[in-house]
N, C-alpha and C. Protein backbone atom coordinates (compact mmCIF):
# COMPACT_ATOMS: atom_id res chain seq x y z
N MET A 1 68.56 4.97 55.47
CA MET A 1 67.14 5.01 55.28
C MET A 1 66.40 3.89 55.77
N THR A 2 65.26 3.95 56.27
CA THR A 2 64.54 2.72 57.22
C THR A 2 63.68 2.38 56.18
N THR A 3 62.89 1.02 56.39
CA THR A 3 61.98 0.60 55.79
C THR A 3 60.91 0.94 55.37
N ASN A 4 60.38 1.69 56.73
CA ASN A 4 59.27 2.48 56.47
C ASN A 4 59.08 3.51 55.71
N MET A 5 57.94 3.72 54.56
CA MET A 5 58.11 4.61 53.76
C MET A 5 57.68 5.95 53.89
N VAL A 6 56.90 5.92 55.48
CA VAL A 6 56.47 7.05 56.00
C VAL A 6 57.74 8.07 56.71
N GLU A 7 58.84 6.96 57.52
CA GLU A 7 60.12 7.66 57.94
C GLU A 7 60.79 8.03 57.15
N SER A 8 61.00 7.72 55.97
CA SER A 8 61.78 7.85 54.84
C SER A 8 61.52 9.07 54.49
N LEU A 9 60.12 9.41 54.28
CA LEU A 9 59.70 10.83 53.88
C LEU A 9 60.30 11.97 54.39
N ASN A 10 59.47 11.56 56.16
CA ASN A 10 59.97 11.94 57.00
C ASN A 10 61.38 13.06 57.69
N SER A 11 62.21 11.60 57.02
CA SER A 11 63.77 12.07 57.49
C SER A 11 63.62 13.14 56.11
N MET A 12 63.31 12.89 55.30
CA MET A 12 63.48 13.87 53.78
C MET A 12 63.52 14.65 54.08
N LEU A 13 61.86 15.30 54.67
CA LEU A 13 61.70 16.63 54.56
C LEU A 13 61.77 17.29 55.75
N VAL A 14 62.82 16.63 56.56
CA VAL A 14 63.05 17.41 57.63
C VAL A 14 63.79 19.39 57.52
N ASN A 15 64.45 19.30 56.33
CA ASN A 15 65.22 20.88 56.29
C ASN A 15 63.63 21.79 55.47
N ALA A 16 62.78 20.71 54.59
CA ALA A 16 61.92 21.31 53.71
C ALA A 16 60.68 21.74 54.22
N ARG A 17 60.43 21.28 55.94
CA ARG A 17 58.55 21.40 56.05
C ARG A 17 58.12 23.03 56.55
N ASP A 18 59.51 23.79 56.39
CA ASP A 18 58.75 24.94 56.80
C ASP A 18 58.63 25.49 55.43
N PHE A 19 58.75 25.21 54.12
CA PHE A 19 58.48 25.91 53.01
C PHE A 19 56.96 26.07 52.66
N PRO A 20 57.14 27.28 51.85
CA PRO A 20 55.76 27.07 51.29
C PRO A 20 55.24 25.53 50.68
N TYR A 21 54.15 25.43 50.45
CA TYR A 21 53.20 24.34 49.89
C TYR A 21 53.84 23.98 48.67
N VAL A 22 54.10 25.27 47.64
CA VAL A 22 54.32 24.56 46.50
C VAL A 22 55.94 24.10 46.32
N ALA A 23 56.62 25.04 47.21
CA ALA A 23 58.08 24.73 47.28
C ALA A 23 57.99 23.06 47.94
N LEU A 24 57.27 22.79 48.81
CA LEU A 24 57.44 21.25 49.32
C LEU A 24 57.53 20.44 48.36
N LEU A 25 55.81 20.43 47.48
CA LEU A 25 55.74 20.00 46.57
C LEU A 25 56.93 19.46 45.36
N ASP A 26 57.65 20.67 45.16
CA ASP A 26 58.59 20.65 44.12
C ASP A 26 59.88 19.98 44.76
N VAL A 27 60.30 19.94 45.81
CA VAL A 27 61.09 19.41 46.64
C VAL A 27 60.51 17.69 47.07
N ILE A 28 59.70 17.47 47.37
CA ILE A 28 59.10 16.27 47.19
C ILE A 28 59.52 15.26 45.76
N GLN A 29 58.56 16.20 45.18
CA GLN A 29 58.84 15.46 43.21
C GLN A 29 59.81 15.52 42.99
N GLU A 30 60.97 16.16 43.01
CA GLU A 30 62.52 16.37 42.58
C GLU A 30 63.05 14.72 43.62
N LYS A 31 62.89 14.80 44.34
CA LYS A 31 63.21 13.69 45.57
C LYS A 31 62.78 11.97 45.16
N MET A 32 61.20 12.32 44.52
CA MET A 32 60.54 10.90 44.24
C MET A 32 61.30 10.86 42.73
N SER A 33 61.79 11.62 41.85
CA SER A 33 61.63 11.51 40.75
C SER A 33 63.37 11.00 40.58
N LYS A 34 64.31 11.42 41.51
CA LYS A 34 65.53 11.04 41.53
C LYS A 34 65.36 9.82 42.26
N TRP A 35 64.74 9.69 43.36
CA TRP A 35 64.38 7.69 43.51
C TRP A 35 64.28 7.02 42.60
N TRP A 36 63.34 7.23 41.66
CA TRP A 36 62.37 6.39 40.89
C TRP A 36 63.49 6.19 39.67
N ASN A 37 64.58 7.26 39.38
CA ASN A 37 65.58 7.40 37.54
C ASN A 37 66.69 5.86 38.71
N ASP A 38 66.94 6.22 40.22
CA ASP A 38 68.35 5.80 40.44
C ASP A 38 67.55 4.06 40.55
N ARG A 39 66.75 3.55 40.72
CA ARG A 39 65.80 2.43 40.91
C ARG A 39 65.34 1.87 39.66
N ARG A 40 65.63 2.43 38.80
CA ARG A 40 64.60 2.18 37.53
C ARG A 40 65.63 1.15 36.87
N ILE A 41 65.30 -0.35 36.68
CA ILE A 41 66.28 -1.13 35.58
C ILE A 41 66.04 -0.87 33.94
N LEU A 42 66.60 -0.60 33.46
CA LEU A 42 66.92 -0.55 31.73
C LEU A 42 67.57 -1.79 31.74
N ASN A 43 67.09 -1.96 29.86
CA ASN A 43 67.69 -3.01 29.49
C ASN A 43 69.34 -2.42 29.04
N PRO A 44 70.44 -3.11 29.03
CA PRO A 44 71.32 -2.41 28.88
C PRO A 44 71.56 -1.81 27.39
N VAL A 45 70.79 -2.26 26.67
CA VAL A 45 71.45 -1.70 24.97
C VAL A 45 70.11 0.00 24.95
N THR A 46 69.26 -0.34 26.35
CA THR A 46 68.16 0.70 25.55
C THR A 46 68.18 2.28 26.60
N TYR A 47 68.41 3.19 25.99
CA TYR A 47 68.86 4.78 26.95
C TYR A 47 67.74 5.57 26.71
N HIS A 48 67.52 5.93 27.75
CA HIS A 48 66.60 7.24 27.55
C HIS A 48 67.30 8.63 27.65
N VAL A 49 66.96 9.21 26.11
CA VAL A 49 67.58 10.21 26.32
C VAL A 49 66.80 11.64 26.23
N LYS A 50 67.28 12.83 27.41
CA LYS A 50 66.62 13.92 27.30
C LYS A 50 67.91 15.40 27.03
N GLY A 51 67.06 16.10 26.38
CA GLY A 51 68.03 17.32 25.57
C GLY A 51 67.27 18.67 25.36
N GLY A 52 66.99 19.42 25.74
CA GLY A 52 66.02 20.65 24.53
C GLY A 52 64.90 20.21 24.89
N GLU A 53 64.32 20.24 23.32
CA GLU A 53 62.43 20.26 23.46
C GLU A 53 62.30 18.67 23.52
N LEU A 54 63.39 18.23 23.11
CA LEU A 54 63.21 16.63 22.47
C LEU A 54 63.87 15.11 23.72
N GLU A 55 63.07 14.09 23.74
CA GLU A 55 63.27 13.35 24.34
C GLU A 55 63.16 12.08 24.07
N GLY A 56 63.99 10.92 23.89
CA GLY A 56 63.51 9.73 23.40
C GLY A 56 63.68 8.28 24.04
N VAL A 57 63.62 7.29 23.84
CA VAL A 57 64.21 5.84 24.43
C VAL A 57 64.82 5.58 23.23
N VAL A 58 65.81 5.46 23.15
CA VAL A 58 65.98 4.25 22.35
C VAL A 58 66.88 2.98 22.41
N ASP A 59 66.75 2.48 21.63
CA ASP A 59 67.14 0.67 21.70
C ASP A 59 68.28 0.70 20.97
N ILE A 60 69.40 0.52 21.19
CA ILE A 60 70.38 0.72 20.10
C ILE A 60 70.89 -1.06 20.00
N PHE A 61 70.40 -1.66 20.43
CA PHE A 61 70.45 -3.65 19.80
C PHE A 61 69.50 -3.42 18.39
N ASN A 62 68.39 -2.99 18.42
CA ASN A 62 67.16 -3.01 17.78
C ASN A 62 67.36 -1.58 16.62
N LYS A 63 68.07 -0.93 17.26
CA LYS A 63 68.03 0.37 15.78
C LYS A 63 66.85 1.01 15.80
N MET A 64 66.34 1.31 17.17
CA MET A 64 64.67 1.89 17.40
C MET A 64 64.83 2.75 18.31
N CYS A 65 64.13 4.02 17.91
CA CYS A 65 64.08 5.54 18.89
C CYS A 65 62.52 5.72 18.92
N THR A 66 62.38 6.53 19.63
CA THR A 66 60.89 6.83 20.11
C THR A 66 60.26 8.02 19.09
N CYS A 67 61.53 8.38 18.56
CA CYS A 67 61.31 9.41 17.39
C CYS A 67 60.70 9.41 16.19
N LYS A 68 60.84 8.07 15.98
CA LYS A 68 60.43 7.27 14.59
C LYS A 68 61.69 7.89 13.66
N GLU A 69 62.61 8.91 14.01
CA GLU A 69 63.38 9.25 12.66
C GLU A 69 64.39 7.80 12.58
N PHE A 70 64.62 7.18 13.45
CA PHE A 70 65.92 6.33 13.53
C PHE A 70 65.35 5.11 12.76
N ASP A 71 63.89 4.84 13.12
CA ASP A 71 63.19 3.47 12.54
C ASP A 71 62.91 3.90 10.85
N ILE A 72 62.46 5.08 10.70
CA ILE A 72 62.26 5.57 9.10
C ILE A 72 63.25 5.61 8.52
N ASP A 73 64.15 6.82 8.83
CA ASP A 73 65.34 6.84 7.46
C ASP A 73 66.43 5.97 7.97
N LYS A 74 66.52 4.98 8.87
CA LYS A 74 67.62 4.31 9.15
C LYS A 74 68.82 4.80 9.04
N LEU A 75 69.04 5.93 9.66
CA LEU A 75 70.31 6.74 9.98
C LEU A 75 70.00 7.02 11.40
N PRO A 76 70.84 6.93 12.29
CA PRO A 76 70.97 7.26 13.61
C PRO A 76 70.33 8.90 13.58
N CYS A 77 69.43 8.98 14.95
CA CYS A 77 68.65 10.78 15.17
C CYS A 77 69.89 10.93 15.85
N VAL A 78 69.87 12.07 16.66
CA VAL A 78 70.07 12.74 17.85
C VAL A 78 70.28 11.76 18.79
N HIS A 79 69.04 11.25 19.01
CA HIS A 79 69.63 10.32 20.66
C HIS A 79 69.99 9.27 20.26
N ALA A 80 69.83 8.74 18.99
CA ALA A 80 70.82 7.56 19.03
C ALA A 80 72.09 8.10 19.36
N VAL A 81 72.71 8.85 18.68
CA VAL A 81 74.19 9.71 18.47
C VAL A 81 74.53 9.87 20.21
N ALA A 82 73.23 10.31 20.45
CA ALA A 82 73.70 10.47 22.14
C ALA A 82 74.44 9.21 23.04
N ALA A 83 73.12 8.35 22.86
CA ALA A 83 73.14 6.95 23.32
C ALA A 83 74.29 5.99 22.97
N ALA A 84 75.01 6.04 21.54
CA ALA A 84 75.96 5.23 21.22
C ALA A 84 77.45 6.26 21.90
N HIS A 85 77.40 7.43 22.07
CA HIS A 85 78.54 8.18 22.78
C HIS A 85 78.62 7.48 23.80
N HIS A 86 77.35 7.86 24.46
CA HIS A 86 77.44 7.25 25.75
C HIS A 86 77.82 5.89 26.54
N ALA A 87 77.08 4.87 25.54
CA ALA A 87 77.60 3.47 25.32
C ALA A 87 79.06 3.19 24.86
N GLN A 88 79.89 3.82 24.28
CA GLN A 88 81.08 4.12 23.57
C GLN A 88 81.03 3.01 22.29
N VAL A 89 79.67 2.87 21.64
CA VAL A 89 79.44 2.37 20.32
C VAL A 89 79.78 3.26 19.29
N SER A 90 80.41 3.00 18.33
CA SER A 90 80.42 3.47 16.69
C SER A 90 79.34 3.56 16.15
N VAL A 91 79.54 4.97 16.32
CA VAL A 91 78.03 5.35 15.56
C VAL A 91 77.76 4.86 14.02
N TYR A 92 78.94 4.69 13.66
CA TYR A 92 78.80 3.81 11.92
C TYR A 92 78.64 2.79 12.22
N ASN A 93 78.44 2.48 13.36
CA ASN A 93 77.45 0.44 13.53
C ASN A 93 75.99 0.95 13.52
N LEU A 94 75.81 2.04 13.66
CA LEU A 94 74.14 1.72 13.90
C LEU A 94 73.55 2.28 12.64
N VAL A 95 74.65 2.73 11.67
CA VAL A 95 73.93 3.14 10.31
C VAL A 95 73.32 1.70 9.52
N PHE A 96 72.58 1.81 8.68
CA PHE A 96 71.83 0.58 8.05
C PHE A 96 72.90 0.40 6.87
N PRO A 97 73.24 -0.64 6.74
CA PRO A 97 74.31 -1.03 5.53
C PRO A 97 73.49 -0.69 3.99
N TYR A 98 72.38 -0.40 3.71
CA TYR A 98 71.94 0.65 2.51
C TYR A 98 72.50 1.47 2.50
N TYR A 99 73.54 2.38 3.35
CA TYR A 99 74.07 3.36 2.99
C TYR A 99 75.52 3.04 3.18
N THR A 100 76.12 2.23 2.97
CA THR A 100 77.50 1.50 2.74
C THR A 100 78.15 1.73 1.11
N LYS A 101 79.41 1.55 1.40
CA LYS A 101 79.77 1.94 -0.09
C LYS A 101 79.36 0.49 -0.76
N GLU A 102 79.37 -0.64 -0.11
CA GLU A 102 78.78 -1.92 -0.70
C GLU A 102 77.90 -2.08 -1.07
N TYR A 103 77.22 -1.58 -0.80
CA TYR A 103 75.68 -1.78 -1.48
C TYR A 103 75.08 -0.74 -2.38
N TYR A 104 75.67 0.44 -2.30
CA TYR A 104 75.80 1.54 -3.48
C TYR A 104 76.25 0.41 -5.03
N VAL A 105 77.21 0.02 -5.06
CA VAL A 105 78.15 -0.81 -5.81
C VAL A 105 77.14 -1.77 -6.24
N LEU A 106 76.87 -3.01 -5.09
CA LEU A 106 76.03 -3.80 -5.73
C LEU A 106 74.69 -3.29 -6.58
N THR A 107 74.11 -2.29 -6.07
CA THR A 107 72.95 -1.37 -6.34
C THR A 107 73.05 -1.21 -8.02
N TYR A 108 74.30 -0.48 -8.30
CA TYR A 108 74.61 -0.64 -9.65
C TYR A 108 75.59 -0.86 -10.75
N GLY A 109 75.94 -2.54 -9.99
CA GLY A 109 76.87 -3.49 -10.65
C GLY A 109 76.36 -3.87 -11.73
N GLU A 110 75.20 -4.49 -11.78
CA GLU A 110 74.31 -4.65 -13.28
C GLU A 110 74.10 -3.45 -14.26
N THR A 111 74.30 -4.20 -15.42
CA THR A 111 74.14 -3.04 -16.64
C THR A 111 72.46 -2.42 -16.32
N ILE A 112 72.20 -1.25 -16.34
CA ILE A 112 71.34 -0.90 -16.60
C ILE A 112 70.56 -0.11 -18.35
N TYR A 113 69.73 -0.92 -18.75
CA TYR A 113 69.05 -0.66 -20.19
C TYR A 113 68.38 0.67 -19.96
N PRO A 114 68.66 1.23 -21.10
CA PRO A 114 67.03 2.15 -21.26
C PRO A 114 66.45 2.08 -21.58
N VAL A 115 64.92 2.71 -21.07
CA VAL A 115 63.65 2.26 -21.74
C VAL A 115 64.09 3.14 -23.14
N GLY A 116 63.28 2.05 -23.87
CA GLY A 116 63.19 2.51 -25.06
C GLY A 116 61.76 3.62 -25.85
N SER A 117 61.30 3.46 -26.62
CA SER A 117 60.07 4.49 -27.11
C SER A 117 59.26 3.69 -26.50
N GLN A 118 57.74 4.63 -26.49
CA GLN A 118 56.45 3.92 -26.41
C GLN A 118 56.30 3.17 -26.73
N SER A 119 56.53 3.07 -28.62
CA SER A 119 55.95 1.99 -29.78
C SER A 119 56.74 0.77 -29.32
N GLN A 120 57.73 0.82 -28.96
CA GLN A 120 58.26 -0.36 -28.41
C GLN A 120 58.21 -1.38 -27.21
N TRP A 121 57.23 -0.57 -26.27
CA TRP A 121 57.11 -1.36 -25.21
C TRP A 121 55.78 -2.84 -25.04
N ASP A 122 55.98 -3.28 -24.68
CA ASP A 122 55.29 -4.67 -24.43
C ASP A 122 54.11 -4.37 -23.08
N VAL A 123 53.03 -3.97 -23.74
CA VAL A 123 51.83 -3.98 -22.53
C VAL A 123 50.79 -5.08 -22.85
N PRO A 124 50.55 -5.56 -21.63
CA PRO A 124 49.61 -6.91 -21.87
C PRO A 124 48.17 -6.17 -22.16
N ASN A 125 47.38 -6.96 -22.61
CA ASN A 125 46.07 -6.86 -23.28
C ASN A 125 44.97 -6.09 -22.15
N GLU A 126 45.27 -6.86 -20.94
CA GLU A 126 44.19 -6.90 -19.57
C GLU A 126 44.52 -4.99 -19.14
N VAL A 127 45.76 -4.75 -19.57
CA VAL A 127 46.20 -3.68 -19.17
C VAL A 127 45.88 -2.09 -20.33
N VAL A 128 45.59 -2.65 -21.17
CA VAL A 128 45.30 -1.52 -22.39
C VAL A 128 43.64 -1.40 -22.49
N ALA A 129 43.40 -2.21 -22.36
CA ALA A 129 41.53 -2.64 -22.29
C ALA A 129 41.18 -1.99 -20.96
N ARG A 130 41.85 -1.88 -19.86
CA ARG A 130 40.88 -0.77 -18.92
C ARG A 130 41.20 0.81 -19.10
N ILE A 131 39.93 0.91 -18.39
CA ILE A 131 40.17 2.50 -18.41
C ILE A 131 39.92 3.17 -17.63
N VAL A 132 40.68 3.83 -17.61
CA VAL A 132 41.16 5.05 -16.09
C VAL A 132 40.74 6.71 -16.89
N LEU A 133 39.46 6.51 -15.86
CA LEU A 133 38.83 8.11 -15.74
C LEU A 133 39.65 8.80 -15.12
N PRO A 134 39.64 9.99 -15.45
CA PRO A 134 40.25 11.18 -14.44
C PRO A 134 39.25 11.31 -13.15
N ARG A 135 39.86 12.14 -12.38
CA ARG A 135 38.88 12.00 -11.01
C ARG A 135 38.28 13.06 -11.14
N GLU A 136 36.97 13.12 -10.06
CA GLU A 136 35.89 13.94 -10.14
C GLU A 136 36.54 15.58 -9.48
N VAL A 137 36.31 16.32 -11.18
CA VAL A 137 36.85 17.93 -10.06
C VAL A 137 35.49 18.60 -10.11
N LYS A 138 35.89 19.14 -8.64
CA LYS A 138 34.68 19.91 -8.25
C LYS A 138 35.05 21.39 -8.84
N ASP A 139 33.69 21.96 -9.22
CA ASP A 139 33.60 23.70 -9.37
C ASP A 139 34.70 24.24 -8.15
N LYS A 140 35.31 25.22 -8.93
CA LYS A 140 36.30 25.65 -7.58
C LYS A 140 35.06 27.34 -7.89
N LYS A 141 35.17 27.89 -6.45
CA LYS A 141 34.41 29.13 -6.44
C LYS A 141 35.72 30.22 -6.36
N ARG A 142 34.89 31.15 -6.60
CA ARG A 142 36.15 32.42 -6.74
C ARG A 142 36.17 32.72 -5.49
N GLY A 143 37.06 33.62 -5.77
CA GLY A 143 37.73 34.73 -4.27
C GLY A 143 38.56 33.47 -3.17
N ARG A 144 38.37 33.96 -2.20
CA ARG A 144 39.18 33.17 -1.17
C ARG A 144 38.19 32.13 -0.65
N PRO A 145 38.92 31.17 -0.57
CA PRO A 145 38.55 29.83 0.33
C PRO A 145 37.69 30.23 1.67
N LYS A 146 36.77 29.75 1.87
CA LYS A 146 36.24 29.65 3.20
C LYS A 146 36.80 28.83 4.30
N THR A 147 36.95 29.67 5.22
CA THR A 147 37.50 28.44 6.54
C THR A 147 36.84 28.45 7.39
N SER A 148 36.04 27.37 7.92
CA SER A 148 35.62 27.22 9.20
C SER A 148 36.22 26.63 10.24
N ARG A 149 36.59 27.44 11.27
CA ARG A 149 37.01 26.60 12.47
C ARG A 149 36.84 27.63 14.06
N PHE A 150 37.29 27.04 14.91
CA PHE A 150 36.91 27.29 16.20
C PHE A 150 37.74 28.16 16.69
N PRO A 151 37.81 29.67 17.37
CA PRO A 151 38.63 30.29 17.78
C PRO A 151 39.38 29.37 19.09
N SER A 152 40.40 29.88 19.74
CA SER A 152 40.97 29.45 20.75
C SER A 152 40.64 30.25 21.79
N VAL A 153 40.77 29.75 22.79
CA VAL A 153 40.25 30.31 24.13
C VAL A 153 40.56 32.22 24.64
N ARG A 154 42.08 32.37 23.85
CA ARG A 154 42.03 33.46 24.33
C ARG A 154 41.90 34.52 22.87
N GLU A 155 41.26 33.93 21.79
CA GLU A 155 41.32 34.84 20.68
C GLU A 155 39.98 35.22 20.35
N PHE A 156 39.87 36.64 20.14
CA PHE A 156 38.92 37.21 20.04
C PHE A 156 38.17 37.49 18.74
N ARG A 157 37.16 37.51 18.97
CA ARG A 157 36.32 37.15 17.79
C ARG A 157 35.98 38.46 17.02
N LYS A 158 35.59 38.34 15.76
CA LYS A 158 35.57 39.78 14.76
C LYS A 158 34.40 40.24 15.55
N ARG A 159 34.20 41.80 15.53
CA ARG A 159 33.03 42.68 16.29
C ARG A 159 32.18 42.90 15.20
N LYS A 160 30.84 42.88 15.28
CA LYS A 160 29.93 43.19 13.97
C LYS A 160 30.05 44.55 14.12
N ASN A 161 29.58 45.67 13.30
CA ASN A 161 29.29 47.07 12.95
C ASN A 161 28.87 47.50 13.74
N ARG A 162 29.05 48.35 14.36
CA ARG A 162 27.83 49.37 15.42
C ARG A 162 28.10 50.43 14.51
N CYS A 163 26.39 51.08 14.65
CA CYS A 163 25.88 52.03 14.03
C CYS A 163 26.05 53.29 14.87
N GLY A 164 26.73 54.52 13.76
CA GLY A 164 26.92 55.39 14.94
C GLY A 164 25.65 56.21 15.00
N LYS A 165 24.95 56.04 14.83
CA LYS A 165 23.64 56.76 14.39
C LYS A 165 22.80 56.42 16.04
N CYS A 166 21.92 54.90 15.77
CA CYS A 166 21.40 54.74 16.38
C CYS A 166 21.84 53.53 17.06
N GLY A 167 23.26 53.30 16.87
CA GLY A 167 24.05 52.40 18.39
C GLY A 167 23.93 50.95 18.31
N ALA A 168 22.86 50.46 17.55
CA ALA A 168 22.70 48.88 17.05
C ALA A 168 23.99 48.38 16.26
N TYR A 169 23.69 47.04 16.45
CA TYR A 169 24.99 46.54 15.80
C TYR A 169 24.61 45.84 14.46
N GLY A 170 25.41 45.67 13.65
CA GLY A 170 24.97 44.86 12.03
C GLY A 170 24.75 45.34 10.92
N HIS A 171 24.83 47.13 11.16
CA HIS A 171 24.85 48.00 10.08
C HIS A 171 25.76 49.32 10.41
N TYR A 172 25.97 50.18 9.21
CA TYR A 172 26.36 51.43 9.53
C TYR A 172 25.69 52.35 9.99
N LYS A 173 26.17 54.01 9.97
CA LYS A 173 25.40 54.88 10.16
C LYS A 173 24.79 55.22 8.74
N LYS A 174 25.57 54.59 7.72
CA LYS A 174 25.55 55.52 6.46
C LYS A 174 23.82 54.27 5.82
N ARG A 175 23.76 53.24 6.58
CA ARG A 175 22.90 52.08 6.21
C ARG A 175 21.67 52.59 7.36
N CYS A 176 21.52 53.08 7.83
CA CYS A 176 20.57 52.61 8.83
C CYS A 176 19.77 53.27 8.61
N ASN A 177 18.58 52.96 8.83
CA ASN A 177 16.84 53.02 8.59
C ASN A 177 16.21 53.70 9.77
N SER A 178 16.91 53.71 10.88
CA SER A 178 16.28 54.48 12.36
C SER A 178 15.82 55.76 11.67
N GLN A 179 14.78 56.27 12.53
CA GLN A 179 14.26 57.85 12.17
C GLN A 179 14.91 58.58 13.53
N THR A 180 15.82 58.59 14.14
CA THR A 180 16.26 59.30 15.32
C THR A 180 16.76 60.19 15.15
N GLY A 181 17.07 61.07 15.20
CA GLY A 181 17.61 62.94 15.45
C GLY A 181 19.41 61.86 15.07
N SER A 182 19.85 63.19 13.93
CA SER A 182 21.21 63.09 13.61
C SER A 182 21.96 63.40 15.38
N THR A 183 23.02 62.09 14.89
CA THR A 183 24.26 62.94 16.25
C THR A 183 25.31 63.11 15.57
N GLU A 184 25.75 63.13 14.24
CA GLU A 184 26.65 63.68 13.60
C GLU A 184 28.15 63.06 13.98
N GLY A 185 28.41 61.90 14.12
CA GLY A 185 29.88 61.61 14.70
C GLY A 185 29.79 61.08 16.40
N ASN A 186 29.18 61.70 17.11
CA ASN A 186 29.15 61.07 18.31
C ASN A 186 28.18 59.61 18.67
N PRO A 187 28.50 58.62 18.95
CA PRO A 187 27.44 57.75 19.13
C PRO A 187 26.97 57.80 20.69
N PRO A 188 25.57 57.24 20.54
CA PRO A 188 24.74 57.88 21.91
C PRO A 188 25.56 57.15 22.87
N THR A 189 25.45 57.97 24.15
CA THR A 189 26.17 57.68 25.39
C THR A 189 25.48 56.37 26.10
N ASN A 190 23.83 56.76 26.41
CA ASN A 190 23.46 55.13 26.83
C ASN A 190 23.42 53.68 26.18
N VAL A 191 24.13 53.55 24.93
CA VAL A 191 24.31 52.27 24.61
C VAL A 191 25.66 51.96 25.16
N PRO A 192 25.37 50.49 25.54
CA PRO A 192 26.91 49.57 26.23
C PRO A 192 28.06 49.29 24.58
N VAL A 193 29.30 49.25 24.91
CA VAL A 193 30.11 49.51 23.92
C VAL A 193 30.45 48.18 23.77
């Protein structure tokens, strides 16, 4: 490969020059992605994990993942397990110590005394004096709650009623106030639908 970028691209595209434009762009994008990934330098404890619909960047040393599941639950997520497998690190080393037997024993090692009846509680005077009002409740309306939303691009709006007598929208044939002649069951032919 030469140092000149144009010459490198030309030598790469020798076989793909006769492809249609879309296929040629796919070849270029695939090759550039491969070059980028080959030259990308990541921290030795950071892994980019792809698989299925999800992908994430896992930092094994800091026990973090971009999916945030590892950060919040303190248990390895799918990405962290895959990265640990690749790095040949035990998954058990990634679990936070809160989930170990030792922490469980320490949690329940001391005596836990039951809470006495409410009459035996020692409540400070400022807490007793504090007035707590219930939150304000709005009157609920009857029926199904109204929802106001914007329809999506391909979603059709509900059409208005069309009169079978006069062809106008917004009312039925029964409620029509038009004085035109009756067309019993057949809508007028000159009205666009």
